[in-house]
Amino acid sequence: MKIITLNCNGIRSSLSKGLLEFIRHENPDIICFQETKAPAKEIDKEEFHKLGYEVHFCLAEKAGYSGTAVLTKIKPKETKIGYGDGIFTSEGRSVFLEFSDFYLWNLYFPSGTSGEERQKVKYQFLDAFTELARPFLKKKKPLLVCGDVNIAHTEKDIHNPKGNEKNSGFLPEERKWLTEFLDLGFFDCFRFVHPEVKEEYSWWTYRFQARKNNKGWRIDYFFVTKSKALKIQNAKIAKEPILSDHAPVVLEIQFS
């Protein structure tokens, strides 16, 4: 099974940059988007339907803001739009699907870069997410979490760790939370496949020719509960085509 996650920074923008062609080429079973931004009336689901996908959107109350979506060729048993309540729902940050062999949770984690108040919201979101995810550690079916987490975990995941240690997204408290979350019983799928690789990033600022010079951050993830009912086969960051300021993360995984 192939699953892709992408913060598209505006789904209409990504479509104009070749998103449909990328989907045709990769042919994933499931693709998860964050930051779709577009209001429902401006999202053309028919193009995705033509490619064989069922479409599930979670839109923010504020038009043109945030938003998540899941496209799937595998029919889910159950779908929960805005799973988690609060800003999980009101800011369009959460789509949860149950399949026969696994659970999938697509999330867009808040950023704290705009100031102290949003950083507080981010910490509240992290705590709420942890408590919602914890019960799935006891379930037989694996839970696969994906999305833009807005945290670079280790110094291997950011181009300038010393220069960013006081910046949201690489704060000690955020990194500690991510370490403790993984210690609950989750794999970081990319790091599981590539334990030592450096300079593999999934986001670059549009400023300072950061992408050209590969001065980026790895903040887009697949997490999965540790289980004998799955096998992580491969994980990669697709650098081309350039669809947004983020790159798609591609996971190949087998559930049994």
Protein backbone atom coordinates (compact mmCIF):
# COMPACT_ATOMS: atom_id res chain seq x y z
CA MET A 1 0.00 0.00 0.00
CA LYS A 2 1.28 3.46 -0.92
CA ILE A 3 0.21 6.51 1.10
CA ILE A 4 1.30 10.12 0.56
CA THR A 5 1.10 13.17 2.80
CA LEU A 6 1.50 16.73 1.50
CA ASN A 7 0.98 20.19 2.91
CA CYS A 8 -0.13 21.73 -0.37
CA ASN A 9 -0.23 25.34 0.95
CA GLY A 10 -3.40 25.88 -1.06
CA ILE A 11 -4.84 23.00 -3.05
CA ARG A 12 -5.66 25.24 -6.00
CA SER A 13 -2.03 26.37 -6.09
CA SER A 14 -0.74 22.78 -6.02
CA LEU A 15 -3.14 21.79 -8.78
CA SER A 16 -1.73 24.59 -10.95
CA LYS A 17 1.77 23.23 -10.33
CA GLY A 18 1.07 19.66 -11.48
CA LEU A 19 -0.57 17.93 -8.52
CA LEU A 20 -2.84 15.75 -10.66
CA GLU A 21 0.09 14.62 -12.81
CA PHE A 22 2.05 13.78 -9.66
CA ILE A 23 -0.86 11.69 -8.34
CA ARG A 24 -1.16 9.85 -11.66
CA HIS A 25 2.57 9.11 -11.64
CA GLU A 26 2.75 7.91 -8.03
CA ASN A 27 -0.69 6.27 -8.07
CA PRO A 28 -1.06 6.12 -4.27
CA ASP A 29 -3.84 4.19 -2.59
CA ILE A 30 -4.38 7.14 -0.25
CA ILE A 31 -3.19 10.75 -0.32
CA CYS A 32 -3.55 13.17 2.59
CA PHE A 33 -3.47 16.96 2.26
CA GLN A 34 -2.98 19.69 4.82
CA GLU A 35 -3.57 23.42 4.36
CA THR A 36 -6.02 23.02 1.51
CA LYS A 37 -7.25 26.59 2.18
CA ALA A 38 -9.94 26.65 -0.52
CA PRO A 39 -13.63 26.88 0.44
CA ALA A 40 -15.80 23.89 -0.51
CA LYS A 41 -17.40 25.56 -3.52
CA GLU A 42 -13.96 26.15 -5.06
CA ILE A 43 -12.72 22.55 -4.70
CA ASP A 44 -13.34 20.47 -7.81
CA LYS A 45 -13.73 16.94 -6.47
CA GLU A 46 -14.58 15.58 -9.91
CA GLU A 47 -10.94 15.58 -11.02
CA PHE A 48 -10.08 13.37 -8.06
CA HIS A 49 -13.10 11.15 -8.66
CA LYS A 50 -11.88 10.57 -12.23
CA LEU A 51 -8.64 9.20 -10.78
CA GLY A 52 -10.62 6.75 -8.65
CA TYR A 53 -10.57 8.53 -5.31
CA GLU A 54 -13.26 9.01 -2.70
CA VAL A 55 -12.75 12.49 -1.19
CA HIS A 56 -13.10 13.58 2.46
CA PHE A 57 -12.54 17.25 3.38
CA CYS A 58 -12.38 18.96 6.76
CA LEU A 59 -12.75 22.71 6.20
CA ALA A 60 -12.04 25.50 8.66
CA GLU A 61 -14.81 27.86 9.78
CA LYS A 62 -12.64 30.72 8.48
CA ALA A 63 -12.77 30.67 4.68
CA GLY A 64 -9.45 30.09 2.93
CA TYR A 65 -7.67 29.01 6.11
CA SER A 66 -6.07 25.72 7.11
CA GLY A 67 -8.09 22.65 5.99
CA THR A 68 -7.30 18.96 5.56
CA ALA A 69 -8.40 16.28 3.12
CA VAL A 70 -8.01 12.57 2.44
CA LEU A 71 -8.35 10.99 -1.00
CA THR A 72 -8.69 7.22 -0.90
CA LYS A 73 -9.18 4.39 -3.36
CA ILE A 74 -9.96 2.07 -0.43
CA LYS A 75 -13.43 2.56 1.01
CA PRO A 76 -13.26 3.31 4.74
CA LYS A 77 -15.48 1.57 7.27
CA GLU A 78 -15.98 4.86 9.13
CA THR A 79 -15.02 8.51 8.67
CA LYS A 80 -14.77 11.18 11.36
CA ILE A 81 -14.36 14.71 10.03
CA GLY A 82 -12.82 17.05 12.59
CA TYR A 83 -12.01 14.22 14.99
CA GLY A 84 -10.84 15.78 18.25
CA ASP A 85 -13.27 18.73 18.48
CA GLY A 86 -12.05 22.25 19.36
CA ILE A 87 -9.63 23.57 16.74
CA PHE A 88 -9.30 20.05 15.35
CA THR A 89 -12.75 20.81 13.92
CA SER A 90 -13.11 24.62 13.82
CA GLU A 91 -9.75 25.11 12.08
CA GLY A 92 -10.21 22.10 9.77
CA ARG A 93 -7.20 20.21 11.10
CA SER A 94 -8.34 16.59 11.36
CA VAL A 95 -9.69 13.75 9.20
CA PHE A 96 -9.86 10.28 10.77
CA LEU A 97 -10.71 7.12 8.81
CA GLU A 98 -11.05 3.53 9.91
CA PHE A 99 -10.17 0.81 7.40
CA SER A 100 -10.39 -2.96 7.77
CA ASP A 101 -6.73 -3.36 8.74
CA PHE A 102 -5.74 0.01 10.19
CA TYR A 103 -6.77 3.48 11.33
CA LEU A 104 -5.58 6.59 9.46
CA TRP A 105 -5.47 10.04 11.03
CA ASN A 106 -4.53 13.00 8.85
CA LEU A 107 -3.63 16.12 10.85
CA TYR A 108 -2.42 19.67 10.36
CA PHE A 109 -0.69 20.69 13.59
CA PRO A 110 -0.74 24.40 14.49
CA SER A 111 2.29 26.62 14.02
CA GLY A 112 3.52 28.85 16.81
CA THR A 113 5.54 31.20 14.63
CA SER A 114 3.02 34.06 14.78
CA GLY A 115 3.47 34.65 18.49
CA GLU A 116 3.10 33.50 22.08
CA GLU A 117 -0.68 32.99 21.98
CA ARG A 118 -0.52 30.60 19.04
CA GLN A 119 2.41 28.80 20.66
CA LYS A 120 0.14 28.16 23.66
CA VAL A 121 -2.53 26.85 21.27
CA LYS A 122 0.08 24.57 19.73
CA TYR A 123 1.01 23.07 23.10
CA GLN A 124 -2.66 22.54 23.93
CA PHE A 125 -3.12 20.79 20.59
CA LEU A 126 -0.10 18.54 21.24
CA ASP A 127 -1.46 17.53 24.65
CA ALA A 128 -4.95 16.87 23.28
CA PHE A 129 -3.57 14.86 20.37
CA THR A 130 -1.46 12.71 22.70
CA GLU A 131 -4.47 11.83 24.84
CA LEU A 132 -6.59 11.02 21.78
CA ALA A 133 -3.84 8.84 20.28
CA ARG A 134 -2.96 6.98 23.47
CA PRO A 135 -5.93 4.53 23.51
CA PHE A 136 -4.98 3.22 20.05
CA LEU A 137 -1.79 1.76 21.50
CA LYS A 138 -3.99 -0.94 23.05
CA LYS A 139 -5.91 -1.76 19.88
CA LYS A 140 -5.08 -4.66 17.59
CA LYS A 141 -5.30 -2.55 14.46
CA PRO A 142 -2.39 -0.13 13.90
CA LEU A 143 -2.92 3.63 13.93
CA LEU A 144 -1.15 5.55 11.16
CA VAL A 145 -0.86 9.30 11.79
CA CYS A 146 0.33 11.64 9.06
CA GLY A 147 0.62 15.31 8.33
CA ASP A 148 2.46 18.55 8.89
CA VAL A 149 3.52 18.43 12.55
CA ASN A 150 5.39 21.76 12.45
CA ILE A 151 8.23 20.33 14.56
CA ALA A 152 11.71 19.25 13.47
CA HIS A 153 12.61 16.47 15.89
CA THR A 154 16.41 16.26 15.99
CA GLU A 155 19.45 18.11 14.69
CA LYS A 156 19.42 15.73 11.72
CA ASP A 157 16.02 17.16 10.74
CA ILE A 158 16.98 20.82 10.34
CA HIS A 159 19.68 22.64 8.42
CA ASN A 160 20.73 25.04 11.19
CA PRO A 161 19.94 23.59 14.61
CA LYS A 162 21.95 26.11 16.63
CA GLY A 163 20.43 29.08 14.86
CA ASN A 164 16.87 27.78 15.32
CA GLU A 165 16.88 26.47 18.88
CA LYS A 166 14.82 29.46 20.08
CA ASN A 167 12.39 29.36 17.15
CA SER A 168 8.97 27.72 17.16
CA GLY A 169 9.22 24.36 15.47
CA PHE A 170 12.56 23.53 17.07
CA LEU A 171 12.02 24.59 20.67
CA PRO A 172 13.32 22.17 23.33
CA GLU A 173 9.79 21.72 24.70
CA GLU A 174 8.42 20.77 21.27
CA ARG A 175 11.23 18.33 20.58
CA LYS A 176 10.81 16.80 24.04
CA TRP A 177 7.10 16.31 23.36
CA LEU A 178 7.88 14.51 20.10
CA THR A 179 10.45 12.25 21.76
CA GLU A 180 7.97 11.35 24.50
CA PHE A 181 5.19 10.76 21.96
CA LEU A 182 7.34 8.31 19.99
CA ASP A 183 8.38 6.62 23.24
CA LEU A 184 4.72 5.81 23.90
CA GLY A 185 4.98 3.23 21.11
CA PHE A 186 5.15 4.91 17.70
CA PHE A 187 7.59 4.69 14.80
CA ASP A 188 8.68 7.76 12.86
CA CYS A 189 8.40 5.86 9.56
CA PHE A 190 10.95 7.90 7.59
CA ARG A 191 13.51 7.68 10.39
CA PHE A 192 12.81 3.95 10.76
CA VAL A 193 13.83 3.42 7.12
CA HIS A 194 16.62 6.02 7.13
CA PRO A 195 17.99 6.12 10.70
CA GLU A 196 21.15 8.11 9.97
CA VAL A 197 20.36 10.15 6.86
CA LYS A 198 20.81 13.92 7.16
CA GLU A 199 19.78 16.88 5.00
CA GLU A 200 16.51 15.23 3.95
CA TYR A 201 13.90 17.91 4.46
CA SER A 202 10.21 18.35 3.68
CA TRP A 203 9.80 22.13 4.04
CA TRP A 204 11.78 25.17 2.93
CA THR A 205 10.99 28.85 3.39
CA TYR A 206 10.31 30.71 0.17
CA ARG A 207 12.97 33.23 1.21
CA PHE A 208 16.74 33.25 0.69
CA GLN A 209 16.68 30.57 -2.05
CA ALA A 210 16.34 28.05 0.80
CA ARG A 211 15.08 25.20 -1.35
CA LYS A 212 17.77 25.67 -3.98
CA ASN A 213 20.39 25.54 -1.21
CA ASN A 214 18.53 22.78 0.69
CA LYS A 215 18.25 24.81 3.89
CA GLY A 216 15.12 23.12 5.14
CA TRP A 217 13.29 21.37 7.95
CA ARG A 218 11.78 17.87 8.14
CA ILE A 219 8.40 18.62 9.71
CA ASP A 220 6.05 16.32 7.73
CA TYR A 221 5.70 12.82 9.14
CA PHE A 222 4.16 9.41 9.14
CA PHE A 223 3.87 7.94 12.64
CA VAL A 224 2.57 4.41 13.19
CA THR A 225 1.97 2.33 16.29
CA LYS A 226 4.52 -0.41 16.80
CA SER A 227 2.73 -3.59 15.78
CA LYS A 228 3.41 -7.01 14.32
CA ALA A 229 0.44 -6.37 12.02
CA LEU A 230 2.44 -4.06 9.75
CA LYS A 231 5.66 -3.85 7.79
CA ILE A 232 7.21 -0.53 6.80
CA GLN A 233 8.64 -1.18 3.35
CA ASN A 234 9.91 2.23 2.25
CA ALA A 235 9.65 5.94 2.93
CA LYS A 236 10.92 8.83 0.84
CA ILE A 237 10.59 12.57 0.37
CA ALA A 238 9.65 13.42 -3.21
CA LYS A 239 11.65 16.53 -4.14
CA GLU A 240 10.13 16.86 -7.61
CA PRO A 241 7.84 18.26 -8.84
CA ILE A 242 7.70 21.35 -6.65
CA LEU A 243 4.05 21.52 -5.60
CA SER A 244 4.33 23.88 -2.62
CA ASP A 245 6.86 24.99 -0.01
CA HIS A 246 6.54 21.43 1.33
CA ALA A 247 7.53 18.21 -0.41
CA PRO A 248 5.31 15.11 -0.44
CA VAL A 249 6.32 12.28 1.88
CA VAL A 250 5.68 8.86 0.34
CA LEU A 251 5.21 5.77 2.50
CA GLU A 252 4.99 2.15 1.37
CA ILE A 253 3.59 -0.04 4.10
CA GLN A 254 1.94 -3.44 4.41
CA PHE A 255 -0.86 -4.20 6.87
CA SER A 256 -2.02 -7.69 7.75
